[in-house]
Amino acid sequence: MAATLANGGFCPITGERVLNPEAVRDTLSLMHSCGMYDFSGQFAFHVGLPAKSGVSGGILLVVPNVMGIMCWSPPLDKLGNSVRGIQFCTDLLQLFNFHNYDNLRHFAKKLDPRREGGDQRQNLEPLDYTSLQKELALTDKVWKKVCPSETSEDSSSTVVYRMESVAERN
């Protein structure tokens, strides 16, 4: 669902429009303003992206026109949000310039994955399973910046798999 919202209502796997643009816009606006319970204002200030948390420990994060991320880690803070999920979102925004108000030209300290190697991904057709796995793969360099305590040598595993393995150890 996060990837579909990030993709303007088109399912990134099938290429089918499943949500109309107005519904996506309205949903992302609500997620940005009140999706993190009483922490929504602080989350909007520090992360600056639409997100929705749940009392099960999940956080659905949308980087519009880039990607959708689902974090799940049950330990909750006093406001009902995932402690590790919020930390992941904050760390992600310290590394990449995804905040809605980051200056895209003059923020040299942050990476812009939309620009680096962007010419390689012009094809927006539906992905087969192998291509999807390649798209989801996170390199060791980026993973170690987002999760420095992770020492896995397998750079082809997906974010979901890696987060599950980190959660199992904690």
Protein backbone atom coordinates (compact mmCIF):
# COMPACT_ATOMS: atom_id res chain seq x y z
CA MET A 1 0.00 0.00 0.00
CA ALA A 2 2.84 2.41 0.83
CA ALA A 3 4.41 1.84 -2.59
CA THR A 4 1.05 2.36 -4.31
CA LEU A 5 0.56 5.66 -2.48
CA ALA A 6 4.12 6.70 -3.36
CA ASN A 7 3.42 5.78 -6.98
CA GLY A 8 0.40 8.07 -7.27
CA GLY A 9 -2.19 5.31 -6.99
CA PHE A 10 -0.60 2.86 -9.44
CA CYS A 11 0.35 -0.56 -8.11
CA PRO A 12 4.13 -0.83 -8.74
CA ILE A 13 3.89 -4.59 -9.32
CA THR A 14 0.99 -4.75 -11.79
CA GLY A 15 1.05 -1.19 -13.15
CA GLU A 16 -2.72 -1.01 -12.58
CA ARG A 17 -4.31 2.18 -11.25
CA VAL A 18 -5.97 1.18 -7.97
CA LEU A 19 -6.50 4.62 -6.40
CA ASN A 20 -7.47 7.87 -8.07
CA PRO A 21 -5.10 10.86 -7.76
CA GLU A 22 -7.44 12.84 -5.50
CA ALA A 23 -7.73 9.94 -3.06
CA VAL A 24 -3.94 9.60 -2.95
CA ARG A 25 -3.47 13.34 -2.39
CA ASP A 26 -6.09 13.44 0.36
CA THR A 27 -4.75 10.29 2.05
CA LEU A 28 -1.17 11.58 2.06
CA SER A 29 -2.34 14.95 3.42
CA LEU A 30 -4.15 13.25 6.30
CA MET A 31 -1.21 10.94 6.98
CA HIS A 32 1.13 13.95 7.10
CA SER A 33 -1.08 15.97 9.43
CA CYS A 34 -2.42 13.35 11.84
CA GLY A 35 -1.11 9.87 10.99
CA MET A 36 1.20 9.56 14.00
CA TYR A 37 -1.34 10.24 16.75
CA ASP A 38 -0.24 13.01 19.16
CA PHE A 39 3.31 12.84 17.76
CA SER A 40 2.17 13.97 14.28
CA GLY A 41 3.44 17.54 14.63
CA GLN A 42 6.90 16.49 15.78
CA PHE A 43 7.05 13.77 13.11
CA ALA A 44 6.08 16.28 10.41
CA PHE A 45 8.75 18.67 11.68
CA HIS A 46 11.60 16.14 11.93
CA VAL A 47 10.73 13.64 9.19
CA GLY A 48 8.47 15.71 6.95
CA LEU A 49 6.84 12.76 5.17
CA PRO A 50 3.37 11.22 5.28
CA ALA A 51 3.20 8.30 7.70
CA LYS A 52 0.63 6.23 9.56
CA SER A 53 1.39 4.33 12.72
CA GLY A 54 -0.61 1.58 14.33
CA VAL A 55 -0.77 0.28 17.87
CA SER A 56 0.66 -3.05 16.68
CA GLY A 57 4.04 -1.33 16.17
CA GLY A 58 3.79 -0.65 12.47
CA ILE A 59 4.66 2.56 10.64
CA LEU A 60 3.74 2.99 6.99
CA LEU A 61 6.00 5.70 5.52
CA VAL A 62 5.54 7.22 2.06
CA VAL A 63 8.24 9.05 0.12
CA PRO A 64 6.06 10.45 -2.70
CA ASN A 65 7.28 9.57 -6.21
CA VAL A 66 10.11 7.48 -4.72
CA MET A 67 9.07 4.58 -2.46
CA GLY A 68 6.90 3.28 0.33
CA ILE A 69 8.29 1.66 3.48
CA MET A 70 6.59 -0.42 6.15
CA CYS A 71 8.43 -0.66 9.47
CA TRP A 72 7.27 -3.02 12.18
CA SER A 73 8.68 -3.23 15.67
CA PRO A 74 6.23 -3.66 18.57
CA PRO A 75 7.87 -1.71 21.42
CA LEU A 76 5.76 1.47 21.59
CA ASP A 77 6.40 4.86 23.14
CA LYS A 78 3.89 6.56 25.46
CA LEU A 79 2.05 8.01 22.43
CA GLY A 80 1.50 4.59 20.84
CA ASN A 81 4.14 4.76 18.10
CA SER A 82 6.92 2.26 17.37
CA VAL A 83 10.12 3.45 19.05
CA ARG A 84 12.40 1.74 16.53
CA GLY A 85 10.16 2.70 13.63
CA ILE A 86 10.44 6.39 14.50
CA GLN A 87 14.20 6.00 14.94
CA PHE A 88 14.47 4.32 11.52
CA CYS A 89 12.49 7.14 9.87
CA THR A 90 14.63 9.77 11.59
CA ASP A 91 17.87 8.01 10.61
CA LEU A 92 16.65 7.64 7.02
CA LEU A 93 16.01 11.38 6.84
CA GLN A 94 19.44 12.18 8.24
CA LEU A 95 20.98 10.17 5.40
CA PHE A 96 18.72 11.15 2.47
CA ASN A 97 17.08 14.44 1.51
CA PHE A 98 13.51 13.14 1.52
CA HIS A 99 12.07 15.73 3.94
CA ASN A 100 9.42 17.78 2.13
CA TYR A 101 11.38 20.95 2.82
CA ASP A 102 14.97 19.80 2.29
CA ASN A 103 16.72 22.01 -0.21
CA LEU A 104 17.48 19.65 -3.08
CA ARG A 105 20.32 21.76 -4.49
CA HIS A 106 22.28 22.91 -1.47
CA PHE A 107 22.06 20.02 0.99
CA ALA A 108 25.49 18.51 0.35
CA LYS A 109 25.48 16.46 3.56
CA LYS A 110 22.58 14.28 2.43
CA LEU A 111 22.33 11.80 -0.43
CA ASP A 112 19.74 12.24 -3.16
CA PRO A 113 18.91 8.80 -4.57
CA ARG A 114 16.55 10.45 -7.04
CA ARG A 115 19.54 11.95 -8.83
CA GLU A 116 22.35 9.43 -8.41
CA GLY A 117 21.88 6.73 -11.03
CA GLY A 118 18.40 8.02 -11.77
CA ASP A 119 18.90 7.60 -15.49
CA GLN A 120 19.13 3.84 -14.98
CA ARG A 121 15.49 3.61 -13.81
CA GLN A 122 13.42 5.25 -16.53
CA ASN A 123 11.24 2.17 -17.07
CA LEU A 124 8.03 2.37 -15.04
CA GLU A 125 6.51 -0.87 -16.33
CA PRO A 126 5.26 -3.59 -13.98
CA LEU A 127 8.08 -5.62 -12.45
CA ASP A 128 8.44 -9.37 -12.45
CA TYR A 129 9.46 -11.03 -9.18
CA THR A 130 13.20 -11.06 -9.94
CA SER A 131 13.21 -7.40 -10.96
CA LEU A 132 11.19 -6.51 -7.88
CA GLN A 133 13.71 -8.30 -5.65
CA LYS A 134 16.53 -6.32 -7.30
CA GLU A 135 14.61 -3.09 -6.74
CA LEU A 136 14.09 -3.96 -3.07
CA ALA A 137 17.70 -4.99 -2.46
CA LEU A 138 19.59 -2.58 -0.24
CA THR A 139 23.36 -2.31 -0.60
CA ASP A 140 25.59 -2.84 2.42
CA LYS A 141 26.85 0.73 2.17
CA VAL A 142 23.40 2.27 2.58
CA TRP A 143 22.16 -0.36 5.06
CA LYS A 144 25.17 0.18 7.34
CA LYS A 145 24.47 3.93 7.37
CA VAL A 146 20.81 3.39 8.28
CA CYS A 147 21.48 0.50 10.68
CA PRO A 148 25.17 0.69 11.74
CA SER A 149 24.92 -2.23 14.18
CA GLU A 150 24.01 -4.63 11.35
CA THR A 151 26.98 -6.71 10.15
CA SER A 152 25.33 -9.07 7.67
CA GLU A 153 27.53 -9.84 4.68
CA ASP A 154 24.63 -10.62 2.34
CA SER A 155 24.02 -7.40 0.38
CA SER A 156 21.22 -8.89 -1.70
CA SER A 157 18.71 -9.43 1.09
CA THR A 158 15.75 -7.11 1.20
CA VAL A 159 15.02 -4.44 3.76
CA VAL A 160 12.12 -6.48 5.15
CA TYR A 161 14.29 -9.56 5.64
CA ARG A 162 17.05 -7.55 7.28
CA MET A 163 14.66 -5.74 9.62
CA GLU A 164 13.12 -9.09 10.59
CA SER A 165 16.55 -10.51 11.39
CA VAL A 166 17.46 -7.45 13.47
CA ALA A 167 14.12 -7.70 15.34
CA GLU A 168 14.67 -11.40 16.07
CA ARG A 169 17.99 -10.61 17.77
CA ASN A 170 16.51 -7.80 19.90
